[in-house]
Amino acid sequence: MNRRSILSVSATIVLGLALLGITAGIAAGAAEIKLLCAVALQPAMVALIPDFEKSSEHKVTITYGTAGAVADRWATDRPTSSAR
């Protein structure tokens, strides 16, 4: 698998998990989604998030960091509403 394919698959998984979290807890209406994402996925997120926001009416706010920083922040500073 080449790097672009890996990024595409990873981005799809991230968006799928975000959608799962939204649909599990919200009945109707737009939501604000806060996404903590590895900087390596930034090109995929830039390509995918605008279409997702347009089709779902949800607003996505992305915070980027290194994979290690994302893992550390997830382990120590995750909100109580996050799904694992």
N, C-alpha and C. Protein backbone atom coordinates (compact mmCIF):
# COMPACT_ATOMS: atom_id res chain seq x y z
N MET A 1 0.84 -1.18 0.00
CA MET A 1 0.00 0.00 0.00
C MET A 1 0.89 1.24 0.00
N ASN A 2 0.58 2.20 -0.84
CA ASN A 2 1.40 3.41 -0.86
C ASN A 2 0.93 4.40 0.20
N ARG A 3 1.71 5.42 0.41
CA ARG A 3 1.43 6.40 1.47
C ARG A 3 0.07 7.07 1.29
N ARG A 4 -0.28 7.41 0.07
CA ARG A 4 -1.56 8.08 -0.19
C ARG A 4 -2.74 7.18 0.16
N SER A 5 -2.64 5.90 -0.16
CA SER A 5 -3.70 4.95 0.17
C SER A 5 -3.84 4.80 1.68
N ILE A 6 -2.73 4.75 2.38
CA ILE A 6 -2.75 4.63 3.83
C ILE A 6 -3.42 5.86 4.44
N LEU A 7 -3.08 7.04 3.96
CA LEU A 7 -3.70 8.27 4.46
C LEU A 7 -5.20 8.27 4.19
N SER A 8 -5.58 7.84 3.01
CA SER A 8 -6.99 7.81 2.66
C SER A 8 -7.77 6.84 3.55
N VAL A 9 -7.24 5.67 3.76
CA VAL A 9 -7.90 4.69 4.63
C VAL A 9 -7.96 5.21 6.06
N SER A 10 -6.88 5.78 6.54
CA SER A 10 -6.84 6.32 7.90
C SER A 10 -7.86 7.43 8.07
N ALA A 11 -7.94 8.32 7.11
CA ALA A 11 -8.89 9.42 7.17
C ALA A 11 -10.32 8.90 7.17
N THR A 12 -10.59 7.90 6.37
CA THR A 12 -11.93 7.31 6.32
C THR A 12 -12.29 6.70 7.67
N ILE A 13 -11.35 6.03 8.29
CA ILE A 13 -11.59 5.44 9.60
C ILE A 13 -11.86 6.52 10.64
N VAL A 14 -11.06 7.58 10.62
CA VAL A 14 -11.24 8.67 11.58
C VAL A 14 -12.61 9.31 11.41
N LEU A 15 -13.00 9.60 10.18
CA LEU A 15 -14.31 10.19 9.95
C LEU A 15 -15.44 9.24 10.34
N GLY A 16 -15.26 7.96 10.07
CA GLY A 16 -16.26 6.98 10.45
C GLY A 16 -16.45 6.94 11.96
N LEU A 17 -15.36 6.97 12.69
CA LEU A 17 -15.45 6.97 14.16
C LEU A 17 -16.09 8.25 14.66
N ALA A 18 -15.77 9.37 14.02
CA ALA A 18 -16.39 10.63 14.42
C ALA A 18 -17.89 10.59 14.18
N LEU A 19 -18.29 10.06 13.04
CA LEU A 19 -19.72 9.94 12.75
C LEU A 19 -20.41 9.00 13.73
N LEU A 20 -19.75 7.93 14.10
CA LEU A 20 -20.32 7.01 15.06
C LEU A 20 -20.56 7.71 16.39
N GLY A 21 -19.60 8.51 16.81
CA GLY A 21 -19.76 9.24 18.05
C GLY A 21 -20.89 10.25 17.99
N ILE A 22 -21.07 10.87 16.85
CA ILE A 22 -22.14 11.86 16.69
C ILE A 22 -23.49 11.19 16.71
N THR A 23 -23.64 10.16 15.90
CA THR A 23 -24.95 9.52 15.77
C THR A 23 -25.34 8.77 17.03
N ALA A 24 -24.39 8.36 17.82
CA ALA A 24 -24.71 7.63 19.05
C ALA A 24 -25.26 8.55 20.12
N GLY A 25 -24.88 9.82 20.10
CA GLY A 25 -25.27 10.69 21.19
C GLY A 25 -26.16 11.87 20.84
N ILE A 26 -26.42 12.09 19.58
CA ILE A 26 -27.17 13.28 19.19
C ILE A 26 -28.36 12.87 18.35
N ALA A 27 -29.54 13.35 18.72
CA ALA A 27 -30.75 12.98 17.99
C ALA A 27 -30.85 13.74 16.67
N ALA A 28 -30.88 15.05 16.73
CA ALA A 28 -31.04 15.84 15.50
C ALA A 28 -30.32 17.16 15.68
N GLY A 29 -30.00 17.79 14.56
CA GLY A 29 -29.36 19.09 14.61
C GLY A 29 -27.86 18.97 14.40
N ALA A 30 -27.27 20.10 14.13
CA ALA A 30 -25.83 20.13 13.88
C ALA A 30 -25.06 20.06 15.18
N ALA A 31 -23.87 19.51 15.11
CA ALA A 31 -23.00 19.38 16.27
C ALA A 31 -21.64 19.97 15.95
N GLU A 32 -20.93 20.33 17.00
CA GLU A 32 -19.54 20.73 16.84
C GLU A 32 -18.68 19.52 17.17
N ILE A 33 -17.87 19.11 16.23
CA ILE A 33 -17.01 17.95 16.41
C ILE A 33 -15.59 18.46 16.60
N LYS A 34 -14.96 18.05 17.67
CA LYS A 34 -13.57 18.39 17.91
C LYS A 34 -12.75 17.15 17.61
N LEU A 35 -11.86 17.27 16.64
CA LEU A 35 -11.07 16.14 16.16
C LEU A 35 -9.60 16.37 16.48
N LEU A 36 -9.01 15.45 17.20
CA LEU A 36 -7.59 15.45 17.49
C LEU A 36 -6.95 14.50 16.50
N CYS A 37 -6.04 15.00 15.69
CA CYS A 37 -5.58 14.23 14.53
C CYS A 37 -4.07 14.37 14.34
N ALA A 38 -3.46 13.29 13.90
CA ALA A 38 -2.03 13.33 13.59
C ALA A 38 -1.79 14.23 12.38
N VAL A 39 -0.74 15.00 12.44
CA VAL A 39 -0.43 15.95 11.37
C VAL A 39 -0.21 15.22 10.03
N ALA A 40 0.17 13.96 10.08
CA ALA A 40 0.36 13.19 8.84
C ALA A 40 -0.94 13.05 8.07
N LEU A 41 -2.08 13.17 8.75
CA LEU A 41 -3.38 13.05 8.08
C LEU A 41 -3.94 14.39 7.62
N GLN A 42 -3.20 15.47 7.82
CA GLN A 42 -3.71 16.80 7.47
C GLN A 42 -4.14 16.91 6.01
N PRO A 43 -3.38 16.42 5.04
CA PRO A 43 -3.84 16.54 3.65
C PRO A 43 -5.18 15.84 3.40
N ALA A 44 -5.36 14.69 4.00
CA ALA A 44 -6.62 13.97 3.83
C ALA A 44 -7.77 14.72 4.52
N MET A 45 -7.52 15.25 5.70
CA MET A 45 -8.56 15.97 6.44
C MET A 45 -8.98 17.24 5.69
N VAL A 46 -8.00 17.95 5.14
CA VAL A 46 -8.29 19.16 4.37
C VAL A 46 -9.17 18.82 3.17
N ALA A 47 -8.95 17.66 2.58
CA ALA A 47 -9.74 17.25 1.42
C ALA A 47 -11.13 16.74 1.81
N LEU A 48 -11.25 16.06 2.95
CA LEU A 48 -12.49 15.40 3.30
C LEU A 48 -13.44 16.21 4.18
N ILE A 49 -12.91 16.98 5.09
CA ILE A 49 -13.76 17.67 6.08
C ILE A 49 -14.75 18.65 5.46
N PRO A 50 -14.37 19.48 4.48
CA PRO A 50 -15.36 20.41 3.92
C PRO A 50 -16.59 19.71 3.33
N ASP A 51 -16.39 18.60 2.64
CA ASP A 51 -17.53 17.85 2.09
C ASP A 51 -18.38 17.26 3.21
N PHE A 52 -17.72 16.75 4.24
CA PHE A 52 -18.45 16.20 5.39
C PHE A 52 -19.29 17.28 6.06
N GLU A 53 -18.68 18.46 6.28
CA GLU A 53 -19.42 19.56 6.92
C GLU A 53 -20.61 20.00 6.07
N LYS A 54 -20.41 20.06 4.78
CA LYS A 54 -21.48 20.48 3.89
C LYS A 54 -22.63 19.48 3.88
N SER A 55 -22.32 18.21 3.84
CA SER A 55 -23.37 17.19 3.74
C SER A 55 -24.06 16.91 5.08
N SER A 56 -23.36 17.12 6.18
CA SER A 56 -23.93 16.77 7.49
C SER A 56 -24.40 17.97 8.30
N GLU A 57 -23.95 19.17 7.92
CA GLU A 57 -24.21 20.40 8.66
C GLU A 57 -23.51 20.44 10.02
N HIS A 58 -22.61 19.50 10.28
CA HIS A 58 -21.81 19.52 11.50
C HIS A 58 -20.58 20.37 11.25
N LYS A 59 -20.05 20.98 12.30
CA LYS A 59 -18.85 21.79 12.22
C LYS A 59 -17.71 21.01 12.85
N VAL A 60 -16.61 20.86 12.11
CA VAL A 60 -15.46 20.10 12.60
C VAL A 60 -14.31 21.07 12.90
N THR A 61 -13.80 21.00 14.12
CA THR A 61 -12.63 21.76 14.51
C THR A 61 -11.50 20.77 14.72
N ILE A 62 -10.42 20.92 13.97
CA ILE A 62 -9.32 19.96 14.01
C ILE A 62 -8.12 20.55 14.73
N THR A 63 -7.56 19.76 15.64
CA THR A 63 -6.29 20.09 16.28
C THR A 63 -5.29 19.05 15.83
N TYR A 64 -4.19 19.50 15.25
CA TYR A 64 -3.17 18.59 14.74
C TYR A 64 -2.00 18.50 15.71
N GLY A 65 -1.34 17.36 15.71
CA GLY A 65 -0.13 17.15 16.49
C GLY A 65 0.59 15.94 15.96
N THR A 66 1.77 15.70 16.48
CA THR A 66 2.48 14.48 16.09
C THR A 66 1.70 13.29 16.63
N ALA A 67 1.94 12.13 16.06
CA ALA A 67 1.22 10.94 16.52
C ALA A 67 1.45 10.70 18.01
N GLY A 68 2.66 10.91 18.47
CA GLY A 68 2.96 10.74 19.89
C GLY A 68 2.23 11.75 20.76
N ALA A 69 2.18 12.99 20.31
CA ALA A 69 1.47 14.03 21.06
C ALA A 69 -0.03 13.76 21.10
N VAL A 70 -0.57 13.27 19.99
CA VAL A 70 -2.00 12.93 19.94
C VAL A 70 -2.29 11.80 20.93
N ALA A 71 -1.46 10.78 20.94
CA ALA A 71 -1.65 9.66 21.87
C ALA A 71 -1.54 10.12 23.31
N ASP A 72 -0.57 10.96 23.62
CA ASP A 72 -0.40 11.47 24.98
C ASP A 72 -1.59 12.32 25.41
N ARG A 73 -2.03 13.19 24.52
CA ARG A 73 -3.17 14.05 24.85
C ARG A 73 -4.44 13.22 25.03
N TRP A 74 -4.62 12.23 24.18
CA TRP A 74 -5.79 11.36 24.29
C TRP A 74 -5.79 10.64 25.64
N ALA A 75 -4.62 10.21 26.06
CA ALA A 75 -4.51 9.46 27.31
C ALA A 75 -4.72 10.34 28.55
N THR A 76 -4.35 11.61 28.47
CA THR A 76 -4.39 12.46 29.67
C THR A 76 -5.45 13.54 29.66
N ASP A 77 -5.93 13.93 28.49
CA ASP A 77 -6.77 15.13 28.43
C ASP A 77 -8.02 14.90 27.60
N ARG A 78 -8.55 13.71 27.56
CA ARG A 78 -9.72 13.46 26.72
C ARG A 78 -10.99 13.89 27.46
N PRO A 79 -11.96 14.40 26.70
CA PRO A 79 -13.22 14.78 27.32
C PRO A 79 -14.01 13.54 27.73
N THR A 80 -14.90 13.70 28.67
CA THR A 80 -15.67 12.56 29.17
C THR A 80 -16.64 12.01 28.14
N SER A 81 -16.97 12.79 27.12
CA SER A 81 -17.94 12.34 26.13
C SER A 81 -17.31 11.58 24.98
N SER A 82 -15.99 11.40 24.99
CA SER A 82 -15.35 10.71 23.87
C SER A 82 -15.58 9.22 23.95
N ALA A 83 -15.63 8.60 22.80
CA ALA A 83 -15.80 7.15 22.72
C ALA A 83 -14.47 6.52 22.41
N ARG A 84 -14.20 5.36 22.95
CA ARG A 84 -12.94 4.68 22.67
C ARG A 84 -13.19 3.42 21.96
